[in-house]
N, C-alpha and C. Protein backbone atom coordinates (compact mmCIF):
# COMPACT_ATOMS: atom_id res chain seq x y z
N MET A 1 -23.75 -44.30 78.89
CA MET A 1 -25.18 -44.21 78.68
C MET A 1 -25.69 -42.95 79.39
N CYS A 2 -26.52 -42.22 78.72
CA CYS A 2 -27.00 -40.94 79.22
C CYS A 2 -28.49 -41.05 79.55
N PRO A 3 -28.90 -40.64 80.75
CA PRO A 3 -30.33 -40.65 81.05
C PRO A 3 -31.07 -39.70 80.11
N THR A 4 -32.25 -40.06 79.71
CA THR A 4 -33.03 -39.31 78.73
C THR A 4 -33.26 -37.87 79.15
N ARG A 5 -33.52 -37.63 80.41
CA ARG A 5 -33.83 -36.26 80.83
C ARG A 5 -32.62 -35.34 80.73
N PHE A 6 -31.40 -35.89 80.66
CA PHE A 6 -30.21 -35.06 80.50
C PHE A 6 -29.76 -34.98 79.04
N CYS A 7 -29.95 -36.03 78.29
CA CYS A 7 -29.49 -36.06 76.90
C CYS A 7 -30.32 -35.16 75.99
N ALA A 8 -31.61 -35.10 76.19
CA ALA A 8 -32.46 -34.30 75.31
C ALA A 8 -32.09 -32.82 75.35
N PRO A 9 -31.93 -32.20 76.53
CA PRO A 9 -31.55 -30.78 76.55
C PRO A 9 -30.16 -30.54 75.95
N ILE A 10 -29.24 -31.43 76.21
CA ILE A 10 -27.89 -31.27 75.67
C ILE A 10 -27.92 -31.38 74.15
N ALA A 11 -28.66 -32.35 73.64
CA ALA A 11 -28.78 -32.51 72.19
C ALA A 11 -29.43 -31.29 71.56
N ARG A 12 -30.44 -30.73 72.22
CA ARG A 12 -31.13 -29.55 71.71
C ARG A 12 -30.17 -28.36 71.64
N VAL A 13 -29.38 -28.16 72.68
CA VAL A 13 -28.42 -27.05 72.71
C VAL A 13 -27.38 -27.22 71.61
N LEU A 14 -26.87 -28.42 71.45
CA LEU A 14 -25.88 -28.67 70.40
C LEU A 14 -26.47 -28.45 69.02
N LEU A 15 -27.68 -28.88 68.80
CA LEU A 15 -28.33 -28.70 67.51
C LEU A 15 -28.55 -27.22 67.21
N LEU A 16 -29.04 -26.46 68.19
CA LEU A 16 -29.26 -25.03 67.99
C LEU A 16 -27.95 -24.28 67.79
N SER A 17 -26.91 -24.69 68.52
CA SER A 17 -25.60 -24.05 68.36
C SER A 17 -25.07 -24.28 66.95
N GLY A 18 -25.19 -25.49 66.47
CA GLY A 18 -24.74 -25.79 65.12
C GLY A 18 -25.50 -25.01 64.07
N ALA A 19 -26.81 -24.90 64.24
CA ALA A 19 -27.63 -24.13 63.29
C ALA A 19 -27.26 -22.66 63.32
N THR A 20 -27.02 -22.12 64.51
CA THR A 20 -26.65 -20.71 64.64
C THR A 20 -25.32 -20.44 63.96
N LEU A 21 -24.34 -21.31 64.16
CA LEU A 21 -23.04 -21.13 63.53
C LEU A 21 -23.13 -21.23 62.02
N THR A 22 -23.97 -22.11 61.53
CA THR A 22 -24.14 -22.26 60.09
C THR A 22 -24.75 -21.00 59.49
N ILE A 23 -25.76 -20.46 60.13
CA ILE A 23 -26.40 -19.24 59.63
C ILE A 23 -25.44 -18.06 59.71
N ALA A 24 -24.68 -17.95 60.79
CA ALA A 24 -23.74 -16.84 60.95
C ALA A 24 -22.65 -16.90 59.89
N GLY A 25 -22.29 -18.08 59.44
CA GLY A 25 -21.27 -18.21 58.41
C GLY A 25 -21.70 -17.66 57.07
N CYS A 26 -22.99 -17.49 56.86
CA CYS A 26 -23.50 -16.97 55.59
C CYS A 26 -23.71 -15.46 55.61
N ALA A 27 -23.44 -14.82 56.73
CA ALA A 27 -23.67 -13.38 56.84
C ALA A 27 -22.70 -12.61 55.95
N THR A 28 -23.17 -11.51 55.42
CA THR A 28 -22.31 -10.63 54.64
C THR A 28 -22.12 -9.34 55.41
N THR A 29 -21.03 -8.67 55.14
CA THR A 29 -20.77 -7.40 55.82
C THR A 29 -21.01 -6.27 54.84
N THR A 30 -21.83 -5.35 55.24
CA THR A 30 -22.09 -4.16 54.44
C THR A 30 -21.93 -2.95 55.35
N PRO A 31 -21.60 -1.82 54.79
CA PRO A 31 -21.45 -0.63 55.63
C PRO A 31 -22.76 -0.28 56.32
N SER A 32 -22.66 0.12 57.57
CA SER A 32 -23.84 0.53 58.31
C SER A 32 -24.24 1.94 57.90
N ALA A 33 -25.41 2.35 58.32
CA ALA A 33 -25.88 3.71 58.02
C ALA A 33 -24.92 4.74 58.63
N ALA A 34 -24.40 4.44 59.82
CA ALA A 34 -23.46 5.36 60.46
C ALA A 34 -22.18 5.49 59.65
N THR A 35 -21.68 4.37 59.14
CA THR A 35 -20.46 4.41 58.33
C THR A 35 -20.70 5.19 57.05
N ARG A 36 -21.83 4.94 56.40
CA ARG A 36 -22.13 5.68 55.16
C ARG A 36 -22.24 7.18 55.44
N GLY A 37 -22.85 7.54 56.56
CA GLY A 37 -22.97 8.96 56.92
C GLY A 37 -21.62 9.59 57.18
N ALA A 38 -20.76 8.86 57.88
CA ALA A 38 -19.42 9.37 58.17
C ALA A 38 -18.62 9.52 56.89
N CYS A 39 -18.76 8.58 55.98
CA CYS A 39 -18.01 8.66 54.72
C CYS A 39 -18.42 9.88 53.92
N GLY A 40 -19.67 10.28 54.04
CA GLY A 40 -20.12 11.47 53.34
C GLY A 40 -19.66 12.75 54.01
N ALA A 41 -19.40 12.68 55.32
CA ALA A 41 -19.03 13.88 56.07
C ALA A 41 -17.53 14.10 56.14
N PHE A 42 -16.74 13.04 56.08
CA PHE A 42 -15.29 13.16 56.23
C PHE A 42 -14.61 13.03 54.88
N ARG A 43 -13.39 13.50 54.82
CA ARG A 43 -12.60 13.38 53.60
C ARG A 43 -11.15 13.16 53.98
N ALA A 44 -10.35 12.80 53.00
CA ALA A 44 -8.93 12.60 53.25
C ALA A 44 -8.28 13.92 53.66
N ILE A 45 -7.26 13.82 54.48
CA ILE A 45 -6.55 15.00 54.99
C ILE A 45 -5.15 15.01 54.39
N SER A 46 -4.66 16.19 54.10
CA SER A 46 -3.28 16.32 53.62
C SER A 46 -2.43 16.94 54.73
N TRP A 47 -1.13 16.86 54.59
CA TRP A 47 -0.22 17.44 55.57
C TRP A 47 0.82 18.28 54.85
N ALA A 48 1.47 19.12 55.61
CA ALA A 48 2.50 20.00 55.06
C ALA A 48 3.85 19.58 55.62
N SER A 49 4.90 20.01 54.96
CA SER A 49 6.24 19.66 55.43
C SER A 49 6.54 20.24 56.81
N ALA A 50 5.82 21.28 57.21
CA ALA A 50 6.03 21.88 58.52
C ALA A 50 5.35 21.09 59.64
N ASP A 51 4.48 20.14 59.31
CA ASP A 51 3.80 19.34 60.33
C ASP A 51 4.79 18.42 61.04
N THR A 52 4.48 18.11 62.29
CA THR A 52 5.35 17.21 63.06
C THR A 52 5.15 15.77 62.60
N ASP A 53 6.10 14.92 62.95
CA ASP A 53 5.99 13.50 62.61
C ASP A 53 4.72 12.89 63.22
N ALA A 54 4.40 13.30 64.45
CA ALA A 54 3.20 12.77 65.11
C ALA A 54 1.94 13.16 64.34
N THR A 55 1.88 14.40 63.88
CA THR A 55 0.71 14.85 63.11
C THR A 55 0.59 14.08 61.81
N ILE A 56 1.70 13.89 61.13
CA ILE A 56 1.69 13.15 59.86
C ILE A 56 1.24 11.71 60.08
N ARG A 57 1.69 11.08 61.18
CA ARG A 57 1.24 9.71 61.49
C ARG A 57 -0.26 9.67 61.72
N GLN A 58 -0.79 10.67 62.44
CA GLN A 58 -2.23 10.72 62.70
C GLN A 58 -3.02 10.93 61.41
N VAL A 59 -2.52 11.78 60.54
CA VAL A 59 -3.19 12.02 59.26
C VAL A 59 -3.18 10.75 58.42
N LYS A 60 -2.04 10.06 58.39
CA LYS A 60 -1.96 8.82 57.62
C LYS A 60 -2.90 7.76 58.19
N ALA A 61 -3.02 7.70 59.52
CA ALA A 61 -3.95 6.75 60.14
C ALA A 61 -5.39 7.08 59.76
N HIS A 62 -5.74 8.37 59.81
CA HIS A 62 -7.08 8.81 59.41
C HIS A 62 -7.37 8.41 57.97
N ASN A 63 -6.42 8.66 57.08
CA ASN A 63 -6.62 8.35 55.67
C ASN A 63 -6.70 6.84 55.44
N ALA A 64 -5.95 6.06 56.22
CA ALA A 64 -6.01 4.59 56.09
C ALA A 64 -7.40 4.08 56.48
N VAL A 65 -7.98 4.65 57.53
CA VAL A 65 -9.34 4.26 57.93
C VAL A 65 -10.33 4.63 56.83
N GLY A 66 -10.17 5.80 56.25
CA GLY A 66 -11.05 6.21 55.15
C GLY A 66 -10.95 5.30 53.95
N ARG A 67 -9.72 4.85 53.64
CA ARG A 67 -9.55 3.91 52.52
C ARG A 67 -10.25 2.59 52.83
N GLU A 68 -10.13 2.13 54.07
CA GLU A 68 -10.71 0.84 54.46
C GLU A 68 -12.24 0.89 54.52
N LEU A 69 -12.78 1.91 55.17
CA LEU A 69 -14.22 1.97 55.39
C LEU A 69 -15.00 2.63 54.25
N CYS A 70 -14.39 3.61 53.61
CA CYS A 70 -15.12 4.42 52.64
C CYS A 70 -14.66 4.21 51.20
N GLY A 71 -13.59 3.46 51.02
CA GLY A 71 -13.11 3.20 49.66
C GLY A 71 -12.31 4.33 49.06
N TRP A 72 -11.75 5.22 49.91
CA TRP A 72 -10.90 6.28 49.38
C TRP A 72 -9.72 5.65 48.66
N ARG A 73 -9.22 6.34 47.67
CA ARG A 73 -8.06 5.83 46.92
C ARG A 73 -6.88 6.76 47.12
N GLY A 74 -5.70 6.18 47.34
CA GLY A 74 -4.48 6.96 47.47
C GLY A 74 -4.45 7.85 48.69
N GLU A 75 -3.50 8.74 48.72
CA GLU A 75 -3.35 9.71 49.80
C GLU A 75 -3.95 11.03 49.37
N ALA A 76 -4.20 11.88 50.33
CA ALA A 76 -4.70 13.22 50.02
C ALA A 76 -3.58 14.03 49.38
N PRO A 77 -3.91 14.96 48.52
CA PRO A 77 -2.86 15.80 47.93
C PRO A 77 -2.18 16.63 49.00
N THR A 78 -0.88 16.83 48.85
CA THR A 78 -0.14 17.63 49.84
C THR A 78 -0.05 19.07 49.41
């Protein structure tokens, strides 16, 4: 048995937590203004056979982020 002065605040917190989680579950993700700006400023990078393995890995990582955030398709031309 719970005294009324303790049960009411606990019930209120649980109710608000449940409502917050329900609303958060309906959220959609859209690109932010910063992401849209970056997508317009950056482009895919290509590499040459003379580049080091480390440079090629970094270029591939950059291009992977561009594909994920900006919708780039494929790799940059070499």
